[in-house]
C-alpha atoms as a PDB file:
ATOM      1  CA  UNK A   1     -52.441 -23.905   7.089  1.00  0.00           C
ATOM      2  CA  UNK A   2     -50.580 -21.010   8.693  1.00  0.00           C
ATOM      3  CA  UNK A   3     -51.623 -17.472   7.972  1.00  0.00           C
ATOM      4  CA  UNK A   4     -48.831 -15.724   6.060  1.00  0.00           C
ATOM      5  CA  UNK A   5     -49.455 -12.482   7.951  1.00  0.00           C
ATOM      6  CA  UNK A   6     -48.393 -14.113  11.249  1.00  0.00           C
ATOM      7  CA  UNK A   7     -45.155 -12.776  12.683  1.00  0.00           C
ATOM      8  CA  UNK A   8     -42.501 -15.368  13.490  1.00  0.00           C
ATOM      9  CA  UNK A   9     -41.822 -16.058  17.156  1.00  0.00           C
ATOM     10  CA  UNK A  10     -39.317 -13.773  18.843  1.00  0.00           C
ATOM     11  CA  UNK A  11     -35.804 -15.117  19.127  1.00  0.00           C
ATOM     12  CA  UNK A  12     -34.158 -15.790  22.460  1.00  0.00           C
ATOM     13  CA  UNK A  13     -30.894 -14.332  23.709  1.00  0.00           C
ATOM     14  CA  UNK A  14     -29.264 -17.752  23.331  1.00  0.00           C
ATOM     15  CA  UNK A  15     -30.248 -17.760  19.651  1.00  0.00           C
ATOM     16  CA  UNK A  16     -28.667 -14.312  19.307  1.00  0.00           C
ATOM     17  CA  UNK A  17     -25.431 -15.535  20.913  1.00  0.00           C
ATOM     18  CA  UNK A  18     -25.416 -18.534  18.578  1.00  0.00           C
ATOM     19  CA  UNK A  19     -25.906 -16.273  15.544  1.00  0.00           C
ATOM     20  CA  UNK A  20     -23.050 -14.013  16.686  1.00  0.00           C
ATOM     21  CA  UNK A  21     -20.783 -17.003  17.269  1.00  0.00           C
ATOM     22  CA  UNK A  22     -21.470 -18.246  13.734  1.00  0.00           C
ATOM     23  CA  UNK A  23     -20.793 -14.729  12.430  1.00  0.00           C
ATOM     24  CA  UNK A  24     -17.411 -14.656  14.215  1.00  0.00           C
ATOM     25  CA  UNK A  25     -16.606 -18.045  12.684  1.00  0.00           C
ATOM     26  CA  UNK A  26     -17.754 -16.836   9.261  1.00  0.00           C
ATOM     27  CA  UNK A  27     -19.870 -19.803   8.255  1.00  0.00           C
ATOM     28  CA  UNK A  28     -23.662 -19.750   8.182  1.00  0.00           C
ATOM     29  CA  UNK A  29     -26.380 -21.424   6.148  1.00  0.00           C
ATOM     30  CA  UNK A  30     -28.488 -18.995   4.161  1.00  0.00           C
ATOM     31  CA  UNK A  31     -31.722 -20.413   5.580  1.00  0.00           C
ATOM     32  CA  UNK A  32     -30.461 -20.048   9.157  1.00  0.00           C
ATOM     33  CA  UNK A  33     -29.397 -16.475   8.449  1.00  0.00           C
ATOM     34  CA  UNK A  34     -32.852 -15.665   7.054  1.00  0.00           C
ATOM     35  CA  UNK A  35     -34.512 -17.242  10.100  1.00  0.00           C
ATOM     36  CA  UNK A  36     -32.299 -15.209  12.458  1.00  0.00           C
ATOM     37  CA  UNK A  37     -33.014 -12.010  10.543  1.00  0.00           C
ATOM     38  CA  UNK A  38     -36.741 -12.629  10.851  1.00  0.00           C
ATOM     39  CA  UNK A  39     -36.806 -13.560  14.537  1.00  0.00           C
ATOM     40  CA  UNK A  40     -33.987 -11.688  16.296  1.00  0.00           C
ATOM     41  CA  UNK A  41     -34.277  -8.083  17.370  1.00  0.00           C
ATOM     42  CA  UNK A  42     -31.459  -5.690  16.533  1.00  0.00           C
ATOM     43  CA  UNK A  43     -30.894  -4.959  20.235  1.00  0.00           C
ATOM     44  CA  UNK A  44     -30.404  -8.657  20.979  1.00  0.00           C
ATOM     45  CA  UNK A  45     -27.803  -8.971  18.234  1.00  0.00           C
ATOM     46  CA  UNK A  46     -25.927  -5.821  19.292  1.00  0.00           C
ATOM     47  CA  UNK A  47     -25.739  -6.896  22.942  1.00  0.00           C
ATOM     48  CA  UNK A  48     -24.748 -10.444  21.966  1.00  0.00           C
ATOM     49  CA  UNK A  49     -22.050  -9.017  19.673  1.00  0.00           C
ATOM     50  CA  UNK A  50     -20.616  -6.839  22.426  1.00  0.00           C
ATOM     51  CA  UNK A  51     -20.571  -9.772  24.848  1.00  0.00           C
ATOM     52  CA  UNK A  52     -19.043 -12.048  22.200  1.00  0.00           C
ATOM     53  CA  UNK A  53     -16.318  -9.510  21.394  1.00  0.00           C
ATOM     54  CA  UNK A  54     -15.530  -9.020  25.095  1.00  0.00           C
ATOM     55  CA  UNK A  55     -15.277 -12.790  25.622  1.00  0.00           C
ATOM     56  CA  UNK A  56     -13.016 -13.077  22.584  1.00  0.00           C
ATOM     57  CA  UNK A  57     -10.671 -10.330  23.856  1.00  0.00           C
ATOM     58  CA  UNK A  58     -10.539 -11.833  27.353  1.00  0.00           C
ATOM     59  CA  UNK A  59      -9.843 -15.251  25.849  1.00  0.00           C
ATOM     60  CA  UNK A  60      -6.974 -13.927  23.746  1.00  0.00           C
ATOM     61  CA  UNK A  61      -5.511 -12.070  26.733  1.00  0.00           C
ATOM     62  CA  UNK A  62      -5.706 -15.206  28.883  1.00  0.00           C
ATOM     63  CA  UNK A  63      -4.100 -17.271  26.117  1.00  0.00           C
ATOM     64  CA  UNK A  64      -1.240 -14.786  25.741  1.00  0.00           C
ATOM     65  CA  UNK A  65      -0.729 -14.660  29.504  1.00  0.00           C
ATOM     66  CA  UNK A  66      -0.670 -18.474  29.661  1.00  0.00           C
ATOM     67  CA  UNK A  67       1.798 -18.793  26.779  1.00  0.00           C
ATOM     68  CA  UNK A  68       4.165 -16.094  28.029  1.00  0.00           C
ATOM     69  CA  UNK A  69       4.259 -17.232  31.664  1.00  0.00           C
END
């Protein structure tokens, strides 16, 4: 049996990017959200959010440039 005082394993940056992508999409299971909240550090989520937002903006700009050219 696991000891309840054990801390969960630290989340990876890829897990943080996945959590941010689901947040952008707006759909997330409650259990997955709880797992992310327990394992991901706030710094990981902030950096992943900034990268995700930058990729989104670049993607929209490229789409607009493609459509208007």
